[in-house]
PDB file of N, CA and C in Angstrom:
ATOM      1  N   UNK A   1     124.060  86.250   1.393  1.00  0.00           N
ATOM      2  CA  UNK A   1     123.297  85.566   0.366  1.00  0.00           C
ATOM      3  C   UNK A   1     123.519  86.297  -0.955  1.00  0.00           C
ATOM      4  N   UNK A   2     123.832  85.537  -1.981  1.00  0.00           N
ATOM      5  CA  UNK A   2     123.964  86.120  -3.315  1.00  0.00           C
ATOM      6  C   UNK A   2     123.167  85.283  -4.308  1.00  0.00           C
ATOM      7  N   UNK A   3     122.827  85.906  -5.429  1.00  0.00           N
ATOM      8  CA  UNK A   3     122.086  85.182  -6.462  1.00  0.00           C
ATOM      9  C   UNK A   3     122.464  85.720  -7.828  1.00  0.00           C
ATOM     10  N   UNK A   4     122.206  84.896  -8.821  1.00  0.00           N
ATOM     11  CA  UNK A   4     122.420  85.311 -10.205  1.00  0.00           C
ATOM     12  C   UNK A   4     121.372  84.628 -11.073  1.00  0.00           C
ATOM     13  N   UNK A   5     120.870  85.373 -12.040  1.00  0.00           N
ATOM     14  CA  UNK A   5     119.861  84.856 -12.961  1.00  0.00           C
ATOM     15  C   UNK A   5     120.542  84.373 -14.233  1.00  0.00           C
ATOM     16  N   UNK A   6     120.144  83.185 -14.675  1.00  0.00           N
ATOM     17  CA  UNK A   6     120.675  82.606 -15.911  1.00  0.00           C
ATOM     18  C   UNK A   6     119.526  82.007 -16.704  1.00  0.00           C
ATOM     19  N   UNK A   7     119.764  81.799 -17.996  1.00  0.00           N
ATOM     20  CA  UNK A   7     118.785  81.142 -18.859  1.00  0.00           C
ATOM     21  C   UNK A   7     119.360  79.795 -19.280  1.00  0.00           C
ATOM     22  N   UNK A   8     118.579  78.765 -19.100  1.00  0.00           N
ATOM     23  CA  UNK A   8     118.997  77.414 -19.478  1.00  0.00           C
ATOM     24  C   UNK A   8     118.925  77.305 -20.994  1.00  0.00           C
ATOM     25  N   UNK A   9     120.050  77.001 -21.632  1.00  0.00           N
ATOM     26  CA  UNK A   9     120.111  76.946 -23.096  1.00  0.00           C
ATOM     27  C   UNK A   9     120.280  75.544 -23.661  1.00  0.00           C
ATOM     28  N   UNK A  10     120.666  74.572 -22.828  1.00  0.00           N
ATOM     29  CA  UNK A  10     120.854  73.232 -23.384  1.00  0.00           C
ATOM     30  C   UNK A  10     119.517  72.630 -23.802  1.00  0.00           C
ATOM     31  N   UNK A  11     119.559  71.702 -24.733  1.00  0.00           N
ATOM     32  CA  UNK A  11     118.342  71.199 -25.394  1.00  0.00           C
ATOM     33  C   UNK A  11     117.338  70.530 -24.465  1.00  0.00           C
ATOM     34  N   UNK A  12     117.812  69.812 -23.446  1.00  0.00           N
ATOM     35  CA  UNK A  12     116.885  69.070 -22.593  1.00  0.00           C
ATOM     36  C   UNK A  12     116.545  69.773 -21.281  1.00  0.00           C
ATOM     37  N   UNK A  13     117.089  70.972 -21.089  1.00  0.00           N
ATOM     38  CA  UNK A  13     116.818  71.695 -19.850  1.00  0.00           C
ATOM     39  C   UNK A  13     117.469  71.001 -18.668  1.00  0.00           C
ATOM     40  N   UNK A  14     116.890  71.166 -17.474  1.00  0.00           N
ATOM     41  CA  UNK A  14     117.410  70.503 -16.277  1.00  0.00           C
ATOM     42  C   UNK A  14     116.648  69.210 -16.059  1.00  0.00           C
ATOM     43  N   UNK A  15     116.916  68.252 -16.909  1.00  0.00           N
ATOM     44  CA  UNK A  15     116.253  66.967 -16.818  1.00  0.00           C
ATOM     45  C   UNK A  15     117.310  65.874 -16.796  1.00  0.00           C
ATOM     46  N   UNK A  16     117.098  64.861 -16.016  1.00  0.00           N
ATOM     47  CA  UNK A  16     117.922  63.667 -15.990  1.00  0.00           C
ATOM     48  C   UNK A  16     119.409  63.962 -15.777  1.00  0.00           C
ATOM     49  N   UNK A  17     120.236  63.722 -16.780  1.00  0.00           N
ATOM     50  CA  UNK A  17     121.686  63.865 -16.599  1.00  0.00           C
ATOM     51  C   UNK A  17     122.119  65.304 -16.307  1.00  0.00           C
ATOM     52  N   UNK A  18     121.601  66.310 -17.016  1.00  0.00           N
ATOM     53  CA  UNK A  18     122.006  67.677 -16.647  1.00  0.00           C
ATOM     54  C   UNK A  18     121.622  68.028 -15.206  1.00  0.00           C
ATOM     55  N   UNK A  19     120.467  67.564 -14.753  1.00  0.00           N
ATOM     56  CA  UNK A  19     120.054  67.838 -13.373  1.00  0.00           C
ATOM     57  C   UNK A  19     121.004  67.166 -12.394  1.00  0.00           C
ATOM     58  N   UNK A  20     121.414  65.949 -12.698  1.00  0.00           N
ATOM     59  CA  UNK A  20     122.358  65.243 -11.840  1.00  0.00           C
ATOM     60  C   UNK A  20     123.685  65.985 -11.781  1.00  0.00           C
ATOM     61  N   UNK A  21     124.143  66.468 -12.909  1.00  0.00           N
ATOM     62  CA  UNK A  21     125.379  67.253 -12.972  1.00  0.00           C
ATOM     63  C   UNK A  21     125.251  68.519 -12.127  1.00  0.00           C
ATOM     64  N   UNK A  22     124.124  69.177 -12.221  1.00  0.00           N
ATOM     65  CA  UNK A  22     123.837  70.394 -11.471  1.00  0.00           C
ATOM     66  C   UNK A  22     123.889  70.107  -9.964  1.00  0.00           C
ATOM     67  N   UNK A  23     123.252  69.032  -9.549  1.00  0.00           N
ATOM     68  CA  UNK A  23     123.191  68.652  -8.134  1.00  0.00           C
ATOM     69  C   UNK A  23     124.573  68.279  -7.611  1.00  0.00           C
ATOM     70  N   UNK A  24     125.323  67.532  -8.391  1.00  0.00           N
ATOM     71  CA  UNK A  24     126.672  67.154  -7.977  1.00  0.00           C
ATOM     72  C   UNK A  24     127.541  68.387  -7.777  1.00  0.00           C
ATOM     73  N   UNK A  25     127.424  69.357  -8.665  1.00  0.00           N
ATOM     74  CA  UNK A  25     128.193  70.594  -8.533  1.00  0.00           C
ATOM     75  C   UNK A  25     127.763  71.343  -7.267  1.00  0.00           C
ATOM     76  N   UNK A  26     126.467  71.443  -7.011  1.00  0.00           N
ATOM     77  CA  UNK A  26     125.967  72.136  -5.818  1.00  0.00           C
ATOM     78  C   UNK A  26     126.483  71.472  -4.544  1.00  0.00           C
ATOM     79  N   UNK A  27     126.586  70.147  -4.566  1.00  0.00           N
ATOM     80  CA  UNK A  27     127.039  69.400  -3.388  1.00  0.00           C
ATOM     81  C   UNK A  27     128.525  69.545  -3.113  1.00  0.00           C
ATOM     82  N   UNK A  28     129.267  70.168  -4.011  1.00  0.00           N
ATOM     83  CA  UNK A  28     130.693  70.420  -3.770  1.00  0.00           C
ATOM     84  C   UNK A  28     130.905  71.568  -2.789  1.00  0.00           C
ATOM     85  N   UNK A  29     129.846  72.281  -2.446  1.00  0.00           N
ATOM     86  CA  UNK A  29     129.951  73.467  -1.602  1.00  0.00           C
ATOM     87  C   UNK A  29     129.231  73.261  -0.278  1.00  0.00           C
ATOM     88  N   UNK A  30     129.752  73.886   0.766  1.00  0.00           N
ATOM     89  CA  UNK A  30     129.162  73.758   2.099  1.00  0.00           C
ATOM     90  C   UNK A  30     127.947  74.650   2.292  1.00  0.00           C
ATOM     91  N   UNK A  31     127.850  75.715   1.529  1.00  0.00           N
ATOM     92  CA  UNK A  31     126.737  76.652   1.683  1.00  0.00           C
ATOM     93  C   UNK A  31     125.433  76.024   1.187  1.00  0.00           C
ATOM     94  N   UNK A  32     124.340  76.652   1.532  1.00  0.00           N
ATOM     95  CA  UNK A  32     123.031  76.249   1.003  1.00  0.00           C
ATOM     96  C   UNK A  32     122.918  76.801  -0.410  1.00  0.00           C
ATOM     97  N   UNK A  33     122.400  75.987  -1.326  1.00  0.00           N
ATOM     98  CA  UNK A  33     122.227  76.412  -2.713  1.00  0.00           C
ATOM     99  C   UNK A  33     120.795  76.092  -3.124  1.00  0.00           C
ATOM    100  N   UNK A  34     120.136  77.073  -3.722  1.00  0.00           N
ATOM    101  CA  UNK A  34     118.768  76.895  -4.203  1.00  0.00           C
ATOM    102  C   UNK A  34     118.682  77.338  -5.655  1.00  0.00           C
ATOM    103  N   UNK A  35     117.673  76.814  -6.333  1.00  0.00           N
ATOM    104  CA  UNK A  35     117.314  77.398  -7.622  1.00  0.00           C
ATOM    105  C   UNK A  35     115.857  77.817  -7.533  1.00  0.00           C
ATOM    106  N   UNK A  36     115.564  78.891  -8.225  1.00  0.00           N
ATOM    107  CA  UNK A  36     114.236  79.476  -8.164  1.00  0.00           C
ATOM    108  C   UNK A  36     113.722  79.690  -9.576  1.00  0.00           C
ATOM    109  N   UNK A  37     112.502  79.274  -9.806  1.00  0.00           N
ATOM    110  CA  UNK A  37     111.817  79.475 -11.085  1.00  0.00           C
ATOM    111  C   UNK A  37     110.419  79.983 -10.762  1.00  0.00           C
ATOM    112  N   UNK A  38     110.081  81.127 -11.321  1.00  0.00           N
ATOM    113  CA  UNK A  38     108.747  81.711 -11.086  1.00  0.00           C
ATOM    114  C   UNK A  38     108.409  81.779  -9.600  1.00  0.00           C
ATOM    115  N   UNK A  39     109.340  82.254  -8.805  1.00  0.00           N
ATOM    116  CA  UNK A  39     109.157  82.444  -7.372  1.00  0.00           C
ATOM    117  C   UNK A  39     109.001  81.144  -6.593  1.00  0.00           C
ATOM    118  N   UNK A  40     109.239  80.008  -7.214  1.00  0.00           N
ATOM    119  CA  UNK A  40     109.238  78.717  -6.513  1.00  0.00           C
ATOM    120  C   UNK A  40     110.685  78.314  -6.304  1.00  0.00           C
ATOM    121  N   UNK A  41     111.087  78.133  -5.063  1.00  0.00           N
ATOM    122  CA  UNK A  41     112.476  77.859  -4.713  1.00  0.00           C
ATOM    123  C   UNK A  41     112.618  76.424  -4.212  1.00  0.00           C
ATOM    124  N   UNK A  42     113.649  75.729  -4.735  1.00  0.00           N
ATOM    125  CA  UNK A  42     113.938  74.362  -4.292  1.00  0.00           C
ATOM    126  C   UNK A  42     115.423  74.231  -3.967  1.00  0.00           C
ATOM    127  N   UNK A  43     115.734  73.234  -3.187  1.00  0.00           N
ATOM    128  CA  UNK A  43     117.112  72.928  -2.826  1.00  0.00           C
ATOM    129  C   UNK A  43     117.837  72.394  -4.062  1.00  0.00           C
ATOM    130  N   UNK A  44     118.917  73.055  -4.460  1.00  0.00           N
ATOM    131  CA  UNK A  44     119.674  72.643  -5.646  1.00  0.00           C
ATOM    132  C   UNK A  44     120.470  71.369  -5.407  1.00  0.00           C
ATOM    133  N   UNK A  45     120.467  70.871  -4.173  1.00  0.00           N
ATOM    134  CA  UNK A  45     121.171  69.638  -3.849  1.00  0.00           C
ATOM    135  C   UNK A  45     120.223  68.447  -3.817  1.00  0.00           C
ATOM    136  N   UNK A  46     118.975  68.656  -4.217  1.00  0.00           N
ATOM    137  CA  UNK A  46     117.942  67.621  -4.192  1.00  0.00           C
ATOM    138  C   UNK A  46     117.464  67.301  -5.611  1.00  0.00           C
ATOM    139  N   UNK A  47     117.631  66.056  -6.028  1.00  0.00           N
ATOM    140  CA  UNK A  47     117.202  65.653  -7.369  1.00  0.00           C
ATOM    141  C   UNK A  47     115.704  65.857  -7.550  1.00  0.00           C
ATOM    142  N   UNK A  48     114.917  65.418  -6.589  1.00  0.00           N
ATOM    143  CA  UNK A  48     113.466  65.582  -6.718  1.00  0.00           C
ATOM    144  C   UNK A  48     113.074  67.054  -6.779  1.00  0.00           C
ATOM    145  N   UNK A  49     113.733  67.879  -5.974  1.00  0.00           N
ATOM    146  CA  UNK A  49     113.440  69.308  -5.998  1.00  0.00           C
ATOM    147  C   UNK A  49     113.735  69.927  -7.349  1.00  0.00           C
ATOM    148  N   UNK A  50     114.924  69.639  -7.879  1.00  0.00           N
ATOM    149  CA  UNK A  50     115.326  70.215  -9.163  1.00  0.00           C
ATOM    150  C   UNK A  50     114.403  69.725 -10.274  1.00  0.00           C
ATOM    151  N   UNK A  51     114.136  68.436 -10.326  1.00  0.00           N
ATOM    152  CA  UNK A  51     113.268  67.900 -11.378  1.00  0.00           C
ATOM    153  C   UNK A  51     111.843  68.426 -11.262  1.00  0.00           C
ATOM    154  N   UNK A  52     111.391  68.699 -10.044  1.00  0.00           N
ATOM    155  CA  UNK A  52     110.012  69.168  -9.844  1.00  0.00           C
ATOM    156  C   UNK A  52     109.769  70.544 -10.456  1.00  0.00           C
ATOM    157  N   UNK A  53     110.829  71.309 -10.698  1.00  0.00           N
ATOM    158  CA  UNK A  53     110.650  72.630 -11.303  1.00  0.00           C
ATOM    159  C   UNK A  53     110.317  72.554 -12.789  1.00  0.00           C
ATOM    160  N   UNK A  54     110.631  71.448 -13.435  1.00  0.00           N
ATOM    161  CA  UNK A  54     110.337  71.313 -14.861  1.00  0.00           C
ATOM    162  C   UNK A  54     111.039  72.359 -15.703  1.00  0.00           C
ATOM    163  N   UNK A  55     112.325  72.549 -15.491  1.00  0.00           N
ATOM    164  CA  UNK A  55     113.088  73.569 -16.197  1.00  0.00           C
ATOM    165  C   UNK A  55     113.417  73.093 -17.614  1.00  0.00           C
ATOM    166  N   UNK A  56     112.902  73.810 -18.601  1.00  0.00           N
ATOM    167  CA  UNK A  56     113.107  73.482 -20.013  1.00  0.00           C
ATOM    168  C   UNK A  56     114.076  74.464 -20.650  1.00  0.00           C
ATOM    169  N   UNK A  57     114.491  74.163 -21.864  1.00  0.00           N
ATOM    170  CA  UNK A  57     115.352  75.081 -22.611  1.00  0.00           C
ATOM    171  C   UNK A  57     114.667  76.441 -22.707  1.00  0.00           C
ATOM    172  N   UNK A  58     115.429  77.496 -22.473  1.00  0.00           N
ATOM    173  CA  UNK A  58     114.899  78.851 -22.538  1.00  0.00           C
ATOM    174  C   UNK A  58     114.328  79.371 -21.231  1.00  0.00           C
ATOM    175  N   UNK A  59     114.296  78.539 -20.196  1.00  0.00           N
ATOM    176  CA  UNK A  59     113.753  78.939 -18.901  1.00  0.00           C
ATOM    177  C   UNK A  59     114.770  79.766 -18.131  1.00  0.00           C
ATOM    178  N   UNK A  60     114.293  80.854 -17.534  1.00  0.00           N
ATOM    179  CA  UNK A  60     115.133  81.688 -16.688  1.00  0.00           C
ATOM    180  C   UNK A  60     115.031  81.186 -15.251  1.00  0.00           C
ATOM    181  N   UNK A  61     116.186  80.971 -14.619  1.00  0.00           N
ATOM    182  CA  UNK A  61     116.218  80.549 -13.220  1.00  0.00           C
ATOM    183  C   UNK A  61     117.153  81.469 -12.441  1.00  0.00           C
ATOM    184  N   UNK A  62     116.926  81.530 -11.152  1.00  0.00           N
ATOM    185  CA  UNK A  62     117.840  82.218 -10.242  1.00  0.00           C
ATOM    186  C   UNK A  62     118.601  81.151  -9.476  1.00  0.00           C
ATOM    187  N   UNK A  63     119.908  81.316  -9.395  1.00  0.00           N
ATOM    188  CA  UNK A  63     120.744  80.450  -8.569  1.00  0.00           C
ATOM    189  C   UNK A  63     121.100  81.267  -7.339  1.00  0.00           C
ATOM    190  N   UNK A  64     120.781  80.738  -6.165  1.00  0.00           N
ATOM    191  CA  UNK A  64     120.926  81.464  -4.912  1.00  0.00           C
ATOM    192  C   UNK A  64     121.784  80.625  -3.971  1.00  0.00           C
ATOM    193  N   UNK A  65     122.701  81.268  -3.286  1.00  0.00           N
ATOM    194  CA  UNK A  65     123.529  80.563  -2.305  1.00  0.00           C
ATOM    195  C   UNK A  65     123.675  81.417  -1.054  1.00  0.00           C
ATOM    196  N   UNK A  66     123.801  80.742   0.074  1.00  0.00           N
ATOM    197  CA  UNK A  66     123.967  81.421   1.348  1.00  0.00           C
ATOM    198  C   UNK A  66     124.911  80.603   2.217  1.00  0.00           C
ATOM    199  N   UNK A  67     126.030  81.210   2.592  1.00  0.00           N
ATOM    200  CA  UNK A  67     126.990  80.528   3.449  1.00  0.00           C
ATOM    201  C   UNK A  67     128.402  80.965   3.133  1.00  0.00           C
ATOM    202  N   UNK A  68     129.356  80.308   3.762  1.00  0.00           N
ATOM    203  CA  UNK A  68     130.760  80.715   3.683  1.00  0.00           C
ATOM    204  C   UNK A  68     131.311  80.741   2.265  1.00  0.00           C
ATOM    205  N   UNK A  69     130.943  79.773   1.449  1.00  0.00           N
ATOM    206  CA  UNK A  69     131.491  79.700   0.082  1.00  0.00           C
ATOM    207  C   UNK A  69     130.428  80.028  -0.974  1.00  0.00           C
ATOM    208  N   UNK A  70     129.492  80.901  -0.615  1.00  0.00           N
ATOM    209  CA  UNK A  70     128.363  81.220  -1.496  1.00  0.00           C
ATOM    210  C   UNK A  70     128.795  81.792  -2.849  1.00  0.00           C
ATOM    211  N   UNK A  71     129.765  82.680  -2.853  1.00  0.00           N
ATOM    212  CA  UNK A  71     130.191  83.299  -4.114  1.00  0.00           C
ATOM    213  C   UNK A  71     130.783  82.254  -5.056  1.00  0.00           C
ATOM    214  N   UNK A  72     131.648  81.403  -4.529  1.00  0.00           N
ATOM    215  CA  UNK A  72     132.251  80.346  -5.345  1.00  0.00           C
ATOM    216  C   UNK A  72     131.192  79.397  -5.880  1.00  0.00           C
ATOM    217  N   UNK A  73     130.208  79.081  -5.052  1.00  0.00           N
ATOM    218  CA  UNK A  73     129.142  78.165  -5.469  1.00  0.00           C
ATOM    219  C   UNK A  73     128.332  78.756  -6.620  1.00  0.00           C
ATOM    220  N   UNK A  74     127.905  79.994  -6.478  1.00  0.00           N
ATOM    221  CA  UNK A  74     127.103  80.615  -7.538  1.00  0.00           C
ATOM    222  C   UNK A  74     127.921  80.724  -8.824  1.00  0.00           C
ATOM    223  N   UNK A  75     129.179  81.143  -8.709  1.00  0.00           N
ATOM    224  CA  UNK A  75     130.022  81.253  -9.904  1.00  0.00           C
ATOM    225  C   UNK A  75     130.171  79.911 -10.609  1.00  0.00           C
ATOM    226  N   UNK A  76     130.365  78.839  -9.843  1.00  0.00           N
ATOM    227  CA  UNK A  76     130.517  77.504 -10.436  1.00  0.00           C
ATOM    228  C   UNK A  76     129.217  77.020 -11.077  1.00  0.00           C
ATOM    229  N   UNK A  77     128.101  77.287 -10.421  1.00  0.00           N
ATOM    230  CA  UNK A  77     126.810  76.851 -10.963  1.00  0.00           C
ATOM    231  C   UNK A  77     126.490  77.608 -12.251  1.00  0.00           C
ATOM    232  N   UNK A  78     126.766  78.899 -12.268  1.00  0.00           N
ATOM    233  CA  UNK A  78     126.534  79.713 -13.464  1.00  0.00           C
ATOM    234  C   UNK A  78     127.433  79.229 -14.605  1.00  0.00           C
ATOM    235  N   UNK A  79     128.691  78.940 -14.290  1.00  0.00           N
ATOM    236  CA  UNK A  79     129.615  78.437 -15.316  1.00  0.00           C
ATOM    237  C   UNK A  79     129.115  77.116 -15.895  1.00  0.00           C
ATOM    238  N   UNK A  80     128.574  76.257 -15.047  1.00  0.00           N
ATOM    239  CA  UNK A  80     128.032  74.978 -15.519  1.00  0.00           C
ATOM    240  C   UNK A  80     126.863  75.211 -16.477  1.00  0.00           C
ATOM    241  N   UNK A  81     125.977  76.118 -16.117  1.00  0.00           N
ATOM    242  CA  UNK A  81     124.841  76.437 -16.993  1.00  0.00           C
ATOM    243  C   UNK A  81     125.335  77.031 -18.300  1.00  0.00           C
ATOM    244  N   UNK A  82     126.297  77.951 -18.242  1.00  0.00           N
ATOM    245  CA  UNK A  82     126.810  78.583 -19.460  1.00  0.00           C
ATOM    246  C   UNK A  82     127.543  77.587 -20.353  1.00  0.00           C
ATOM    247  N   UNK A  83     128.044  76.492 -19.777  1.00  0.00           N
ATOM    248  CA  UNK A  83     128.707  75.456 -20.587  1.00  0.00           C
ATOM    249  C   UNK A  83     127.681  74.562 -21.287  1.00  0.00           C
ATOM    250  N   UNK A  84     126.387  74.837 -21.040  1.00  0.00           N
ATOM    251  CA  UNK A  84     125.294  74.008 -21.551  1.00  0.00           C
ATOM    252  C   UNK A  84     125.444  72.559 -21.104  1.00  0.00           C
ATOM    253  N   UNK A  85     126.037  72.368 -19.934  1.00  0.00           N
ATOM    254  CA  UNK A  85     126.242  71.038 -19.369  1.00  0.00           C
ATOM    255  C   UNK A  85     126.966  70.153 -20.368  1.00  0.00           C
ATOM    256  N   UNK A  86     127.743  70.770 -21.250  1.00  0.00           N
ATOM    257  CA  UNK A  86     128.447  70.080 -22.350  1.00  0.00           C
ATOM    258  C   UNK A  86     127.468  69.265 -23.184  1.00  0.00           C
ATOM    259  N   UNK A  87     126.213  69.754 -23.226  1.00  0.00           N
ATOM    260  CA  UNK A  87     125.120  69.130 -23.991  1.00  0.00           C
ATOM    261  C   UNK A  87     124.939  67.662 -23.674  1.00  0.00           C
ATOM    262  N   UNK A  88     125.087  67.318 -22.374  1.00  0.00           N
ATOM    263  CA  UNK A  88     124.773  65.954 -21.958  1.00  0.00           C
ATOM    264  C   UNK A  88     123.264  65.821 -21.865  1.00  0.00           C
ATOM    265  N   UNK A  89     122.780  64.666 -21.980  1.00  0.00           N
ATOM    266  CA  UNK A  89     121.355  64.527 -21.827  1.00  0.00           C
ATOM    267  C   UNK A  89     120.868  63.318 -22.494  1.00  0.00           C
TER     268      UNK A  89
END
């Protein structure tokens, strides 16, 4: 299991289209992927789970993965966040 902490910088946070992009990226990997905000952990492959966290711009989240391709998954998810989801929203 590995994890990395990132800060969401895009204007709309993880809402609507950015959340969908996040989920689609998580689903490219076989490992389990979660995001955690304030010690509340949800499945990063679930739209309702991700939206339920209410992640806004400036929010710190942990991206956690466990499984065979966990390192690749976390690296890809972090890269997506650092790209600011290309400011979709």
